[in-house]
N, C-alpha and C. Protein backbone atom coordinates (compact mmCIF):
# COMPACT_ATOMS: atom_id res chain seq x y z
N MET A 1 -69.20 20.04 7.78
CA MET A 1 -67.75 20.18 7.90
C MET A 1 -67.25 21.16 6.84
N ARG A 2 -66.40 22.07 7.26
CA ARG A 2 -65.83 23.05 6.32
C ARG A 2 -64.46 22.57 5.86
N VAL A 3 -64.20 22.77 4.61
CA VAL A 3 -62.90 22.39 4.03
C VAL A 3 -62.17 23.67 3.66
N ASP A 4 -60.94 23.79 4.15
CA ASP A 4 -60.13 24.97 3.85
C ASP A 4 -59.53 24.80 2.46
N THR A 5 -59.93 25.63 1.52
CA THR A 5 -59.45 25.52 0.13
C THR A 5 -58.37 26.55 -0.19
N ARG A 6 -57.95 27.30 0.81
CA ARG A 6 -56.89 28.29 0.57
C ARG A 6 -55.57 27.56 0.29
N PRO A 7 -54.69 28.18 -0.50
CA PRO A 7 -53.40 27.54 -0.75
C PRO A 7 -52.63 27.36 0.55
N ARG A 8 -51.90 26.26 0.63
CA ARG A 8 -51.10 25.97 1.81
C ARG A 8 -49.95 26.96 1.91
N LYS A 9 -49.65 27.39 3.13
CA LYS A 9 -48.51 28.28 3.35
C LYS A 9 -47.23 27.50 3.08
N ARG A 10 -46.40 28.04 2.24
CA ARG A 10 -45.15 27.37 1.88
C ARG A 10 -44.05 27.72 2.86
N ASN A 11 -43.21 26.74 3.14
CA ASN A 11 -42.06 26.99 3.98
C ASN A 11 -41.05 27.83 3.21
N ALA A 12 -40.19 28.50 3.93
CA ALA A 12 -39.16 29.31 3.29
C ALA A 12 -38.19 28.40 2.54
N PRO A 13 -37.69 28.83 1.39
CA PRO A 13 -36.72 28.00 0.66
C PRO A 13 -35.40 27.92 1.41
N ARG A 14 -34.61 26.92 1.06
CA ARG A 14 -33.30 26.78 1.69
C ARG A 14 -32.43 27.97 1.32
N PRO A 15 -31.61 28.47 2.25
CA PRO A 15 -30.72 29.59 1.93
C PRO A 15 -29.69 29.19 0.87
N ALA A 16 -29.27 30.16 0.07
CA ALA A 16 -28.35 29.88 -1.04
C ALA A 16 -27.05 29.23 -0.57
N TRP A 17 -26.57 29.57 0.62
CA TRP A 17 -25.30 29.03 1.08
C TRP A 17 -25.39 27.54 1.42
N LYS A 18 -26.61 27.00 1.52
CA LYS A 18 -26.78 25.58 1.79
C LYS A 18 -26.95 24.74 0.53
N VAL A 19 -27.18 25.39 -0.60
CA VAL A 19 -27.51 24.67 -1.83
C VAL A 19 -26.31 24.64 -2.78
N ALA A 20 -25.91 23.43 -3.17
CA ALA A 20 -24.82 23.24 -4.15
C ALA A 20 -25.24 22.11 -5.08
N ARG A 21 -26.18 22.41 -5.98
CA ARG A 21 -26.73 21.37 -6.86
C ARG A 21 -25.66 20.73 -7.75
N SER A 22 -24.72 21.52 -8.23
CA SER A 22 -23.69 20.95 -9.11
C SER A 22 -22.78 20.00 -8.32
N TYR A 23 -22.58 20.27 -7.04
CA TYR A 23 -21.81 19.34 -6.20
C TYR A 23 -22.55 18.02 -6.05
N LEU A 24 -23.86 18.08 -5.81
CA LEU A 24 -24.65 16.86 -5.67
C LEU A 24 -24.64 16.06 -6.97
N GLN A 25 -24.67 16.76 -8.11
CA GLN A 25 -24.60 16.07 -9.40
C GLN A 25 -23.24 15.40 -9.56
N TRP A 26 -22.19 16.08 -9.14
CA TRP A 26 -20.83 15.51 -9.21
C TRP A 26 -20.75 14.26 -8.32
N LEU A 27 -21.35 14.33 -7.14
CA LEU A 27 -21.34 13.17 -6.23
C LEU A 27 -22.01 11.96 -6.85
N ARG A 28 -23.09 12.18 -7.60
CA ARG A 28 -23.82 11.06 -8.20
C ARG A 28 -22.97 10.33 -9.24
N GLY A 29 -21.89 10.93 -9.68
CA GLY A 29 -20.98 10.28 -10.63
C GLY A 29 -19.86 9.51 -9.94
N ARG A 30 -19.77 9.58 -8.61
CA ARG A 30 -18.74 8.86 -7.85
C ARG A 30 -19.24 7.46 -7.52
N ARG A 31 -18.36 6.65 -6.96
CA ARG A 31 -18.74 5.33 -6.46
C ARG A 31 -19.26 5.47 -5.03
N CYS A 32 -20.01 4.48 -4.59
CA CYS A 32 -20.56 4.49 -3.24
C CYS A 32 -19.41 4.55 -2.22
N ALA A 33 -19.54 5.42 -1.24
CA ALA A 33 -18.51 5.57 -0.22
C ALA A 33 -18.38 4.32 0.66
N PHE A 34 -19.40 3.47 0.65
CA PHE A 34 -19.41 2.26 1.48
C PHE A 34 -19.31 1.01 0.60
N GLU A 35 -18.62 1.14 -0.49
CA GLU A 35 -18.53 0.10 -1.51
C GLU A 35 -18.32 -1.29 -0.90
N CYS A 36 -19.28 -2.17 -1.16
CA CYS A 36 -19.19 -3.56 -0.70
C CYS A 36 -20.14 -4.40 -1.55
N ALA A 37 -20.28 -5.65 -1.22
CA ALA A 37 -21.10 -6.57 -2.01
C ALA A 37 -22.58 -6.18 -2.00
N GLU A 38 -23.06 -5.50 -0.95
CA GLU A 38 -24.47 -5.17 -0.85
C GLU A 38 -24.87 -3.94 -1.66
N CYS A 39 -23.92 -3.21 -2.24
CA CYS A 39 -24.25 -2.00 -2.98
C CYS A 39 -25.29 -2.31 -4.06
N ALA A 40 -26.31 -1.47 -4.12
CA ALA A 40 -27.37 -1.67 -5.10
C ALA A 40 -28.03 -0.35 -5.44
N GLY A 41 -28.32 -0.16 -6.70
CA GLY A 41 -29.04 1.02 -7.15
C GLY A 41 -28.12 2.18 -7.49
N PRO A 42 -28.71 3.24 -8.00
CA PRO A 42 -27.92 4.41 -8.39
C PRO A 42 -27.37 5.14 -7.16
N ILE A 43 -26.42 6.01 -7.40
CA ILE A 43 -25.79 6.78 -6.33
C ILE A 43 -26.67 7.98 -5.99
N GLU A 44 -26.82 8.22 -4.70
CA GLU A 44 -27.55 9.37 -4.18
C GLU A 44 -26.63 10.13 -3.23
N ALA A 45 -27.02 11.36 -2.91
CA ALA A 45 -26.25 12.17 -1.97
C ALA A 45 -26.81 11.98 -0.57
N ALA A 46 -26.01 11.42 0.32
CA ALA A 46 -26.41 11.23 1.72
C ALA A 46 -25.82 12.37 2.54
N HIS A 47 -26.67 13.18 3.14
CA HIS A 47 -26.19 14.32 3.92
C HIS A 47 -25.67 13.86 5.28
N THR A 48 -24.50 14.34 5.63
CA THR A 48 -23.87 13.98 6.90
C THR A 48 -24.23 15.02 7.96
N PRO A 49 -24.09 14.65 9.24
CA PRO A 49 -24.46 15.59 10.30
C PRO A 49 -23.50 16.78 10.37
N ASP A 50 -24.07 17.94 10.59
CA ASP A 50 -23.26 19.15 10.73
C ASP A 50 -24.03 20.11 11.63
N SER A 51 -23.55 20.31 12.82
CA SER A 51 -24.27 21.14 13.79
C SER A 51 -24.33 22.61 13.39
N GLN A 52 -23.44 23.06 12.51
CA GLN A 52 -23.44 24.47 12.13
C GLN A 52 -24.47 24.80 11.07
N SER A 53 -24.83 23.83 10.22
CA SER A 53 -25.79 24.13 9.16
C SER A 53 -27.12 23.41 9.34
N LYS A 54 -27.21 22.52 10.31
CA LYS A 54 -28.42 21.74 10.53
C LYS A 54 -29.22 22.36 11.66
N GLY A 55 -30.51 22.49 11.44
CA GLY A 55 -31.40 23.00 12.48
C GLY A 55 -32.62 22.09 12.59
N ILE A 56 -33.48 22.39 13.50
CA ILE A 56 -34.69 21.60 13.66
C ILE A 56 -35.55 21.75 12.41
N GLY A 57 -35.87 20.63 11.79
CA GLY A 57 -36.71 20.64 10.60
C GLY A 57 -36.02 21.09 9.34
N THR A 58 -34.71 21.17 9.35
CA THR A 58 -33.98 21.57 8.14
C THR A 58 -32.94 20.53 7.78
N LYS A 59 -32.59 20.50 6.51
CA LYS A 59 -31.57 19.58 6.02
C LYS A 59 -30.20 20.25 6.12
N ALA A 60 -29.18 19.46 6.34
CA ALA A 60 -27.82 20.00 6.40
C ALA A 60 -27.44 20.57 5.04
N ALA A 61 -26.40 21.39 5.02
CA ALA A 61 -25.93 21.98 3.78
C ALA A 61 -25.43 20.89 2.83
N ASP A 62 -25.57 21.14 1.54
CA ASP A 62 -25.17 20.17 0.53
C ASP A 62 -23.68 19.87 0.57
N CYS A 63 -22.87 20.79 1.06
CA CYS A 63 -21.42 20.56 1.10
C CYS A 63 -21.04 19.46 2.09
N ASN A 64 -22.00 18.97 2.85
CA ASN A 64 -21.74 17.89 3.81
C ASN A 64 -22.18 16.53 3.30
N ALA A 65 -22.51 16.41 2.03
CA ALA A 65 -23.04 15.15 1.50
C ALA A 65 -21.91 14.23 1.02
N ILE A 66 -22.20 12.93 1.03
CA ILE A 66 -21.28 11.92 0.51
C ILE A 66 -22.06 11.01 -0.44
N PRO A 67 -21.38 10.37 -1.39
CA PRO A 67 -22.09 9.48 -2.31
C PRO A 67 -22.42 8.15 -1.64
N ALA A 68 -23.66 7.71 -1.81
CA ALA A 68 -24.09 6.43 -1.25
C ALA A 68 -25.08 5.80 -2.22
N CYS A 69 -24.97 4.50 -2.43
CA CYS A 69 -25.94 3.81 -3.27
C CYS A 69 -27.29 3.82 -2.56
N VAL A 70 -28.33 3.47 -3.28
CA VAL A 70 -29.68 3.49 -2.70
C VAL A 70 -29.74 2.61 -1.45
N TYR A 71 -29.14 1.42 -1.50
CA TYR A 71 -29.16 0.51 -0.36
C TYR A 71 -28.54 1.15 0.88
N HIS A 72 -27.33 1.70 0.75
CA HIS A 72 -26.64 2.29 1.91
C HIS A 72 -27.32 3.58 2.37
N HIS A 73 -27.86 4.37 1.44
CA HIS A 73 -28.54 5.60 1.82
C HIS A 73 -29.79 5.27 2.65
N ARG A 74 -30.56 4.29 2.22
CA ARG A 74 -31.75 3.90 2.99
C ARG A 74 -31.37 3.30 4.34
N LEU A 75 -30.29 2.53 4.36
CA LEU A 75 -29.83 1.95 5.63
C LEU A 75 -29.45 3.05 6.60
N HIS A 76 -28.73 4.05 6.12
CA HIS A 76 -28.34 5.20 6.95
C HIS A 76 -29.58 5.96 7.43
N THR A 77 -30.54 6.19 6.54
CA THR A 77 -31.74 6.95 6.89
C THR A 77 -32.57 6.22 7.94
N SER A 78 -32.69 4.91 7.81
CA SER A 78 -33.55 4.17 8.72
C SER A 78 -32.88 3.77 10.03
N ARG A 79 -31.56 3.48 9.99
CA ARG A 79 -30.91 2.95 11.20
C ARG A 79 -29.71 3.76 11.66
N GLY A 80 -29.32 4.78 10.95
CA GLY A 80 -28.23 5.64 11.40
C GLY A 80 -26.87 5.22 10.86
N TRP A 81 -25.88 6.05 11.16
CA TRP A 81 -24.52 5.81 10.66
C TRP A 81 -23.91 4.55 11.24
N SER A 82 -24.27 4.20 12.46
CA SER A 82 -23.68 3.00 13.07
C SER A 82 -24.04 1.74 12.30
N ALA A 83 -25.16 1.73 11.60
CA ALA A 83 -25.54 0.57 10.78
C ALA A 83 -24.57 0.38 9.62
N LEU A 84 -23.86 1.44 9.26
CA LEU A 84 -22.87 1.37 8.18
C LEU A 84 -21.47 1.14 8.73
N GLY A 85 -21.36 1.04 10.04
CA GLY A 85 -20.07 0.77 10.66
C GLY A 85 -19.19 1.98 10.83
N ILE A 86 -19.77 3.18 10.82
CA ILE A 86 -18.98 4.39 11.03
C ILE A 86 -19.66 5.27 12.07
N THR A 87 -18.90 6.21 12.61
CA THR A 87 -19.43 7.16 13.58
C THR A 87 -19.88 8.43 12.86
N ARG A 88 -20.61 9.28 13.57
CA ARG A 88 -21.02 10.57 12.99
C ARG A 88 -19.80 11.41 12.63
N GLU A 89 -18.76 11.35 13.46
CA GLU A 89 -17.54 12.12 13.20
C GLU A 89 -16.86 11.65 11.93
N LYS A 90 -16.81 10.33 11.72
CA LYS A 90 -16.20 9.76 10.50
C LYS A 90 -17.01 10.17 9.28
N ALA A 91 -18.35 10.16 9.39
CA ALA A 91 -19.21 10.57 8.27
C ALA A 91 -18.96 12.04 7.93
N THR A 92 -18.84 12.87 8.95
CA THR A 92 -18.56 14.29 8.73
C THR A 92 -17.20 14.48 8.06
N ALA A 93 -16.20 13.73 8.50
CA ALA A 93 -14.87 13.82 7.89
C ALA A 93 -14.91 13.37 6.43
N MET A 94 -15.69 12.34 6.14
CA MET A 94 -15.83 11.89 4.75
C MET A 94 -16.48 12.97 3.90
N GLY A 95 -17.51 13.63 4.45
CA GLY A 95 -18.16 14.72 3.73
C GLY A 95 -17.20 15.86 3.43
N ASP A 96 -16.36 16.20 4.41
CA ASP A 96 -15.35 17.25 4.20
C ASP A 96 -14.36 16.86 3.11
N ALA A 97 -13.94 15.60 3.10
CA ALA A 97 -12.97 15.14 2.10
C ALA A 97 -13.56 15.20 0.69
N TYR A 98 -14.81 14.78 0.53
CA TYR A 98 -15.44 14.87 -0.79
C TYR A 98 -15.61 16.32 -1.23
N TRP A 99 -15.99 17.19 -0.30
CA TRP A 99 -16.16 18.61 -0.63
C TRP A 99 -14.83 19.21 -1.09
N GLN A 100 -13.75 18.89 -0.40
CA GLN A 100 -12.44 19.41 -0.78
C GLN A 100 -11.99 18.87 -2.14
N ALA A 101 -12.43 17.65 -2.50
CA ALA A 101 -12.03 17.03 -3.76
C ALA A 101 -12.85 17.52 -4.95
N TRP A 102 -13.98 18.18 -4.71
CA TRP A 102 -14.84 18.63 -5.80
C TRP A 102 -14.15 19.71 -6.61
N PRO A 103 -14.01 19.53 -7.93
CA PRO A 103 -13.34 20.52 -8.77
C PRO A 103 -14.03 21.89 -8.80
N GLY A 104 -15.32 21.97 -8.57
CA GLY A 104 -16.04 23.25 -8.63
C GLY A 104 -16.12 23.98 -7.31
N ARG A 105 -15.46 23.47 -6.27
CA ARG A 105 -15.58 24.05 -4.93
C ARG A 105 -15.14 25.50 -4.86
N LEU A 106 -13.99 25.81 -5.40
CA LEU A 106 -13.47 27.18 -5.29
C LEU A 106 -14.40 28.19 -5.97
N ALA A 107 -14.90 27.86 -7.15
CA ALA A 107 -15.82 28.76 -7.84
C ALA A 107 -17.12 28.92 -7.06
N TRP A 108 -17.64 27.81 -6.50
CA TRP A 108 -18.87 27.89 -5.73
C TRP A 108 -18.67 28.74 -4.48
N GLU A 109 -17.56 28.56 -3.78
CA GLU A 109 -17.29 29.35 -2.59
C GLU A 109 -17.10 30.82 -2.92
N ARG A 110 -16.47 31.11 -4.04
CA ARG A 110 -16.30 32.51 -4.46
C ARG A 110 -17.65 33.14 -4.77
N ASP A 111 -18.52 32.42 -5.48
CA ASP A 111 -19.82 32.96 -5.86
C ASP A 111 -20.79 33.06 -4.69
N ASN A 112 -20.62 32.25 -3.66
CA ASN A 112 -21.56 32.24 -2.53
C ASN A 112 -20.98 32.88 -1.27
N GLY A 113 -19.82 33.49 -1.38
CA GLY A 113 -19.25 34.20 -0.25
C GLY A 113 -18.82 33.33 0.89
N ALA A 114 -18.49 32.10 0.60
CA ALA A 114 -18.09 31.19 1.69
C ALA A 114 -16.63 31.34 2.02
């Protein structure tokens, strides 16, 4: 049996217009968007559906993320938005609201040509 020892071909990096690391860091300082008795663990960025930035095998743009505790993020990942009691449209609207509330949004959009 032959073993291929060549380096693995790397996928292309995410385009700059999809990446907003400082926004994700800001989100981690917010409270869980689904705040309830079951909230557990640190806050993570849960990406919401967006047909304009999401493609097959790619993650949605960071500007569509909302803050979710580990419990709610895993629930969303494993069972979908309906497990959290919201629709995809409501999740997208929540993502838009958080993006608009981010203090660094205007500077990020200016620097990334958005």
